[in-house]
PDB file of N, CA and C in Angstrom:
ATOM      1  N   MET A   1       7.604  18.486  -8.835  1.00  0.00           N
ATOM      2  CA  MET A   1       6.634  17.410  -8.981  1.00  0.00           C
ATOM      3  C   MET A   1       6.588  16.349  -8.043  1.00  0.00           C
ATOM      4  N   GLN A   2       6.071  15.616  -7.354  1.00  0.00           N
ATOM      5  CA  GLN A   2       5.670  14.900  -6.048  1.00  0.00           C
ATOM      6  C   GLN A   2       5.616  13.391  -6.821  1.00  0.00           C
ATOM      7  N   LYS A   3       7.116  12.701  -7.136  1.00  0.00           N
ATOM      8  CA  LYS A   3       7.095  11.279  -7.264  1.00  0.00           C
ATOM      9  C   LYS A   3       6.162   9.762  -6.785  1.00  0.00           C
ATOM     10  N   ASN A   4       5.214   9.650  -7.667  1.00  0.00           N
ATOM     11  CA  ASN A   4       4.737   8.619  -6.782  1.00  0.00           C
ATOM     12  C   ASN A   4       5.042   7.080  -7.038  1.00  0.00           C
ATOM     13  N   ILE A   5       4.410   5.879  -5.811  1.00  0.00           N
ATOM     14  CA  ILE A   5       4.554   4.541  -6.458  1.00  0.00           C
ATOM     15  C   ILE A   5       3.203   4.205  -5.586  1.00  0.00           C
ATOM     16  N   LEU A   6       2.584   3.198  -6.470  1.00  0.00           N
ATOM     17  CA  LEU A   6       1.480   2.262  -6.456  1.00  0.00           C
ATOM     18  C   LEU A   6       2.039   1.130  -6.384  1.00  0.00           C
ATOM     19  N   TYR A   7       1.525   0.569  -4.775  1.00  0.00           N
ATOM     20  CA  TYR A   7       2.509  -0.865  -4.581  1.00  0.00           C
ATOM     21  C   TYR A   7       1.353  -1.598  -4.600  1.00  0.00           C
ATOM     22  N   LEU A   8       0.348  -2.238  -5.673  1.00  0.00           N
ATOM     23  CA  LEU A   8      -0.256  -3.384  -5.242  1.00  0.00           C
ATOM     24  C   LEU A   8       0.490  -4.737  -4.787  1.00  0.00           C
ATOM     25  N   TYR A   9      -0.369  -5.180  -3.199  1.00  0.00           N
ATOM     26  CA  TYR A   9       0.018  -6.189  -2.191  1.00  0.00           C
ATOM     27  C   TYR A   9      -0.811  -6.662  -1.749  1.00  0.00           C
ATOM     28  N   SER A  10      -0.787  -8.255  -2.015  1.00  0.00           N
ATOM     29  CA  SER A  10      -1.829  -9.384  -1.669  1.00  0.00           C
ATOM     30  C   SER A  10      -1.347  -9.627  -0.253  1.00  0.00           C
ATOM     31  N   GLY A  11      -0.714  -9.583   0.277  1.00  0.00           N
ATOM     32  CA  GLY A  11      -0.684  -9.694   1.480  1.00  0.00           C
ATOM     33  C   GLY A  11       0.910  -9.357   2.616  1.00  0.00           C
ATOM     34  N   LEU A  12       1.139  -7.990   2.780  1.00  0.00           N
ATOM     35  CA  LEU A  12       1.794  -7.131   3.359  1.00  0.00           C
ATOM     36  C   LEU A  12       2.287  -7.610   4.578  1.00  0.00           C
ATOM     37  N   MET A  13       3.689  -7.998   4.282  1.00  0.00           N
ATOM     38  CA  MET A  13       4.388  -8.292   5.325  1.00  0.00           C
ATOM     39  C   MET A  13       5.342  -7.059   6.188  1.00  0.00           C
ATOM     40  N   PRO A  14       5.783  -8.056   7.514  1.00  0.00           N
ATOM     41  CA  PRO A  14       7.138  -7.225   7.909  1.00  0.00           C
ATOM     42  C   PRO A  14       7.829  -6.678   7.377  1.00  0.00           C
ATOM     43  N   TYR A  15       8.722  -7.933   6.568  1.00  0.00           N
ATOM     44  CA  TYR A  15       9.792  -7.822   4.927  1.00  0.00           C
ATOM     45  C   TYR A  15       9.612  -6.252   4.440  1.00  0.00           C
ATOM     46  N   VAL A  16       8.466  -6.147   3.694  1.00  0.00           N
ATOM     47  CA  VAL A  16       8.604  -5.038   3.072  1.00  0.00           C
ATOM     48  C   VAL A  16       8.884  -3.404   3.554  1.00  0.00           C
ATOM     49  N   ILE A  17       8.121  -3.403   4.671  1.00  0.00           N
ATOM     50  CA  ILE A  17       7.995  -2.191   5.531  1.00  0.00           C
ATOM     51  C   ILE A  17       9.920  -1.535   5.791  1.00  0.00           C
ATOM     52  N   PRO A  18      10.753  -2.161   5.129  1.00  0.00           N
ATOM     53  CA  PRO A  18      11.944  -0.957   4.815  1.00  0.00           C
ATOM     54  C   PRO A  18      12.127  -0.630   3.797  1.00  0.00           C
ATOM     55  N   VAL A  19      11.811  -1.183   2.408  1.00  0.00           N
ATOM     56  CA  VAL A  19      11.635  -0.690   1.560  1.00  0.00           C
ATOM     57  C   VAL A  19      10.693   0.148   1.030  1.00  0.00           C
ATOM     58  N   LEU A  20       9.544   0.180   1.284  1.00  0.00           N
ATOM     59  CA  LEU A  20       8.676   1.315   1.500  1.00  0.00           C
ATOM     60  C   LEU A  20       9.367   2.513   2.144  1.00  0.00           C
ATOM     61  N   LYS A  21       9.893   2.473   3.619  1.00  0.00           N
ATOM     62  CA  LYS A  21      10.383   3.471   4.301  1.00  0.00           C
ATOM     63  C   LYS A  21      11.812   3.605   3.093  1.00  0.00           C
ATOM     64  N   GLU A  22      12.933   3.347   1.857  1.00  0.00           N
ATOM     65  CA  GLU A  22      13.166   3.188   1.303  1.00  0.00           C
ATOM     66  C   GLU A  22      13.084   4.034  -0.251  1.00  0.00           C
ATOM     67  N   PHE A  23      11.356   3.717  -0.453  1.00  0.00           N
ATOM     68  CA  PHE A  23      11.120   4.476  -1.393  1.00  0.00           C
ATOM     69  C   PHE A  23      11.046   5.876  -0.778  1.00  0.00           C
ATOM     70  N   THR A  24      10.297   6.320   0.975  1.00  0.00           N
ATOM     71  CA  THR A  24      10.545   7.888   0.734  1.00  0.00           C
ATOM     72  C   THR A  24      11.506   8.263   1.334  1.00  0.00           C
ATOM     73  N   LYS A  25      12.539   7.729   1.494  1.00  0.00           N
ATOM     74  CA  LYS A  25      13.793   8.457   1.822  1.00  0.00           C
ATOM     75  C   LYS A  25      13.956   9.069   0.576  1.00  0.00           C
ATOM     76  N   GLN A  26      13.886   8.528  -0.929  1.00  0.00           N
ATOM     77  CA  GLN A  26      14.141   8.605  -2.254  1.00  0.00           C
ATOM     78  C   GLN A  26      13.710   9.361  -2.808  1.00  0.00           C
ATOM     79  N   GLY A  27      12.461  10.445  -1.608  1.00  0.00           N
ATOM     80  CA  GLY A  27      11.536  11.066  -1.970  1.00  0.00           C
ATOM     81  C   GLY A  27       9.731  10.943  -2.240  1.00  0.00           C
ATOM     82  N   TYR A  28       9.742   9.862  -2.754  1.00  0.00           N
ATOM     83  CA  TYR A  28       8.783   9.200  -3.002  1.00  0.00           C
ATOM     84  C   TYR A  28       7.387   9.204  -2.070  1.00  0.00           C
ATOM     85  N   LYS A  29       6.411   9.335  -2.386  1.00  0.00           N
ATOM     86  CA  LYS A  29       4.959   9.369  -2.342  1.00  0.00           C
ATOM     87  C   LYS A  29       4.462   7.686  -2.303  1.00  0.00           C
ATOM     88  N   VAL A  30       3.989   6.938  -2.046  1.00  0.00           N
ATOM     89  CA  VAL A  30       3.798   5.771  -1.097  1.00  0.00           C
ATOM     90  C   VAL A  30       2.273   5.122  -1.024  1.00  0.00           C
ATOM     91  N   TYR A  31       1.706   5.003  -1.896  1.00  0.00           N
ATOM     92  CA  TYR A  31       0.220   4.352  -1.722  1.00  0.00           C
ATOM     93  C   TYR A  31       0.082   2.484  -2.274  1.00  0.00           C
ATOM     94  N   VAL A  32      -0.023   2.178  -0.867  1.00  0.00           N
ATOM     95  CA  VAL A  32      -0.101   0.500  -0.888  1.00  0.00           C
ATOM     96  C   VAL A  32      -1.664   0.046  -1.010  1.00  0.00           C
ATOM     97  N   VAL A  33      -1.688  -0.619  -1.558  1.00  0.00           N
ATOM     98  CA  VAL A  33      -3.839  -1.013  -1.490  1.00  0.00           C
ATOM     99  C   VAL A  33      -3.528  -2.818  -0.934  1.00  0.00           C
ATOM    100  N   LYS A  34      -3.649  -3.345  -0.466  1.00  0.00           N
ATOM    101  CA  LYS A  34      -3.761  -4.753   0.180  1.00  0.00           C
ATOM    102  C   LYS A  34      -5.179  -5.118   0.480  1.00  0.00           C
ATOM    103  N   TRP A  35      -4.271  -6.275   0.413  1.00  0.00           N
ATOM    104  CA  TRP A  35      -5.875  -7.665   0.051  1.00  0.00           C
ATOM    105  C   TRP A  35      -6.448  -7.663   1.769  1.00  0.00           C
ATOM    106  N   ASP A  36      -7.628  -7.325   2.282  1.00  0.00           N
ATOM    107  CA  ASP A  36      -7.596  -7.695   3.858  1.00  0.00           C
ATOM    108  C   ASP A  36      -8.737  -8.413   4.247  1.00  0.00           C
ATOM    109  N   SER A  37      -9.091  -9.263   3.558  1.00  0.00           N
ATOM    110  CA  SER A  37      -9.993 -10.519   3.585  1.00  0.00           C
ATOM    111  C   SER A  37      -9.168 -11.667   3.441  1.00  0.00           C
ATOM    112  N   ARG A  38      -9.190 -12.727   3.778  1.00  0.00           N
ATOM    113  CA  ARG A  38      -9.459 -14.421   3.533  1.00  0.00           C
ATOM    114  C   ARG A  38      -8.133 -14.351   3.769  1.00  0.00           C
ATOM    115  N   LEU A  39      -6.980 -13.681   5.085  1.00  0.00           N
ATOM    116  CA  LEU A  39      -5.376 -13.337   4.942  1.00  0.00           C
ATOM    117  C   LEU A  39      -5.469 -14.260   6.024  1.00  0.00           C
ATOM    118  N   LEU A  40      -3.949 -15.186   5.928  1.00  0.00           N
ATOM    119  CA  LEU A  40      -4.169 -16.681   6.558  1.00  0.00           C
ATOM    120  C   LEU A  40      -3.228 -15.760   7.597  1.00  0.00           C
ATOM    121  N   THR A  41      -2.178 -15.257   7.454  1.00  0.00           N
ATOM    122  CA  THR A  41      -1.625 -14.161   8.645  1.00  0.00           C
ATOM    123  C   THR A  41      -2.030 -12.371   8.533  1.00  0.00           C
ATOM    124  N   PRO A  42      -3.351 -12.126   9.182  1.00  0.00           N
ATOM    125  CA  PRO A  42      -2.890 -10.398   9.522  1.00  0.00           C
ATOM    126  C   PRO A  42      -2.039  -9.482   9.849  1.00  0.00           C
ATOM    127  N   TYR A  43      -1.483  -8.707   9.114  1.00  0.00           N
ATOM    128  CA  TYR A  43      -0.867  -7.776   9.670  1.00  0.00           C
ATOM    129  C   TYR A  43      -0.448  -6.825   9.506  1.00  0.00           C
ATOM    130  N   VAL A  44      -1.067  -5.304  10.511  1.00  0.00           N
ATOM    131  CA  VAL A  44      -1.090  -4.339  10.535  1.00  0.00           C
ATOM    132  C   VAL A  44       0.419  -3.603  10.243  1.00  0.00           C
ATOM    133  N   PRO A  45       0.104  -3.246   9.362  1.00  0.00           N
ATOM    134  CA  PRO A  45       1.305  -2.315   9.611  1.00  0.00           C
ATOM    135  C   PRO A  45       1.946  -1.022   9.840  1.00  0.00           C
ATOM    136  N   PRO A  46       2.737  -0.582  10.021  1.00  0.00           N
ATOM    137  CA  PRO A  46       2.957   0.579  10.707  1.00  0.00           C
ATOM    138  C   PRO A  46       2.880   1.716   9.729  1.00  0.00           C
ATOM    139  N   VAL A  47       2.050   3.135  11.089  1.00  0.00           N
ATOM    140  CA  VAL A  47       2.651   4.193  10.353  1.00  0.00           C
ATOM    141  C   VAL A  47       4.141   5.429   9.812  1.00  0.00           C
ATOM    142  N   ILE A  48       4.140   5.166   8.664  1.00  0.00           N
ATOM    143  CA  ILE A  48       5.376   5.117   8.430  1.00  0.00           C
ATOM    144  C   ILE A  48       4.804   6.758   7.179  1.00  0.00           C
ATOM    145  N   GLU A  49       5.542   7.758   7.452  1.00  0.00           N
ATOM    146  CA  GLU A  49       5.315   9.362   6.618  1.00  0.00           C
ATOM    147  C   GLU A  49       5.628   8.621   4.935  1.00  0.00           C
ATOM    148  N   ASN A  50       4.928   9.094   4.090  1.00  0.00           N
ATOM    149  CA  ASN A  50       4.333   9.508   2.555  1.00  0.00           C
ATOM    150  C   ASN A  50       3.913   8.334   2.448  1.00  0.00           C
ATOM    151  N   VAL A  51       3.541   7.067   3.336  1.00  0.00           N
ATOM    152  CA  VAL A  51       3.516   5.910   3.016  1.00  0.00           C
ATOM    153  C   VAL A  51       1.699   6.289   3.487  1.00  0.00           C
ATOM    154  N   GLU A  52       0.802   5.412   2.342  1.00  0.00           N
ATOM    155  CA  GLU A  52      -0.840   5.124   2.743  1.00  0.00           C
ATOM    156  C   GLU A  52      -1.431   4.187   2.452  1.00  0.00           C
ATOM    157  N   TYR A  53      -1.807   3.685   3.513  1.00  0.00           N
ATOM    158  CA  TYR A  53      -1.948   2.375   2.688  1.00  0.00           C
ATOM    159  C   TYR A  53      -3.584   1.809   3.124  1.00  0.00           C
ATOM    160  N   PHE A  54      -4.537   1.993   2.196  1.00  0.00           N
ATOM    161  CA  PHE A  54      -5.790   1.139   1.673  1.00  0.00           C
ATOM    162  C   PHE A  54      -5.901  -0.442   1.798  1.00  0.00           C
ATOM    163  N   ASN A  55      -6.971  -0.219   1.725  1.00  0.00           N
ATOM    164  CA  ASN A  55      -7.611  -1.645   1.513  1.00  0.00           C
ATOM    165  C   ASN A  55      -8.690  -1.960   0.692  1.00  0.00           C
ATOM    166  N   ARG A  56      -7.463  -3.038   0.489  1.00  0.00           N
ATOM    167  CA  ARG A  56      -8.385  -3.112  -0.915  1.00  0.00           C
ATOM    168  C   ARG A  56     -10.223  -3.309  -1.555  1.00  0.00           C
ATOM    169  N   SER A  57     -11.093  -3.438  -0.440  1.00  0.00           N
ATOM    170  CA  SER A  57     -12.144  -3.890   0.318  1.00  0.00           C
ATOM    171  C   SER A  57     -12.979  -2.367  -0.110  1.00  0.00           C
ATOM    172  N   GLU A  58     -11.747  -1.382   1.082  1.00  0.00           N
ATOM    173  CA  GLU A  58     -12.337   0.438   0.033  1.00  0.00           C
ATOM    174  C   GLU A  58     -12.992   0.421  -1.126  1.00  0.00           C
ATOM    175  N   PHE A  59     -12.490  -0.338  -2.188  1.00  0.00           N
ATOM    176  CA  PHE A  59     -12.770  -0.181  -3.263  1.00  0.00           C
ATOM    177  C   PHE A  59     -13.243  -0.886  -3.859  1.00  0.00           C
ATOM    178  N   LYS A  60     -15.287  -0.657  -4.408  1.00  0.00           N
ATOM    179  CA  LYS A  60     -16.328  -1.332  -5.025  1.00  0.00           C
ATOM    180  C   LYS A  60     -16.411  -2.893  -5.788  1.00  0.00           C
ATOM    181  N   ASN A  61     -15.219  -2.482  -7.150  1.00  0.00           N
ATOM    182  CA  ASN A  61     -14.904  -3.361  -7.484  1.00  0.00           C
ATOM    183  C   ASN A  61     -13.673  -2.450  -8.621  1.00  0.00           C
ATOM    184  N   VAL A  62     -12.763  -3.538  -9.684  1.00  0.00           N
ATOM    185  CA  VAL A  62     -11.895  -3.155 -10.551  1.00  0.00           C
ATOM    186  C   VAL A  62     -12.132  -2.194 -10.644  1.00  0.00           C
ATOM    187  N   LYS A  63     -12.572  -1.344 -11.772  1.00  0.00           N
ATOM    188  CA  LYS A  63     -13.400   0.013 -11.898  1.00  0.00           C
ATOM    189  C   LYS A  63     -12.766   0.982 -11.100  1.00  0.00           C
ATOM    190  N   HIS A  64     -13.278   1.308  -9.965  1.00  0.00           N
ATOM    191  CA  HIS A  64     -13.202   1.746  -8.981  1.00  0.00           C
ATOM    192  C   HIS A  64     -11.572   1.559  -8.680  1.00  0.00           C
ATOM    193  N   LEU A  65     -10.980   0.366  -8.783  1.00  0.00           N
ATOM    194  CA  LEU A  65      -9.475   1.294  -8.376  1.00  0.00           C
ATOM    195  C   LEU A  65      -8.809   1.215  -9.399  1.00  0.00           C
ATOM    196  N   PHE A  66      -8.854   1.200 -10.744  1.00  0.00           N
ATOM    197  CA  PHE A  66      -8.767   1.340 -11.308  1.00  0.00           C
ATOM    198  C   PHE A  66      -8.680   3.187 -11.801  1.00  0.00           C
ATOM    199  N   SER A  67      -9.883   4.041 -11.722  1.00  0.00           N
ATOM    200  CA  SER A  67     -10.319   5.281 -11.558  1.00  0.00           C
ATOM    201  C   SER A  67      -9.107   5.518 -10.060  1.00  0.00           C
ATOM    202  N   PHE A  68      -9.174   5.154  -9.391  1.00  0.00           N
ATOM    203  CA  PHE A  68      -8.075   5.671  -7.677  1.00  0.00           C
ATOM    204  C   PHE A  68      -6.383   5.112  -8.596  1.00  0.00           C
ATOM    205  N   ILE A  69      -6.443   4.470  -9.850  1.00  0.00           N
ATOM    206  CA  ILE A  69      -4.963   4.851 -10.112  1.00  0.00           C
ATOM    207  C   ILE A  69      -4.357   5.637 -11.176  1.00  0.00           C
TER     208      ILE A  69
END
């Protein structure tokens, strides 16, 4: 059975990347929902196997986000 982690993050920064990589080494599939508007420091995260990034703006509303969860 696939183990999953949902990571809700307001401002994804480079120092979180080693944590995501460690989760994948331990066999987790990681889904990151990150804010993509009104950011002071926009950051484009690297492609990491078994990590999927989603922008918060992709979800119409909170109910849509909850249905994803």
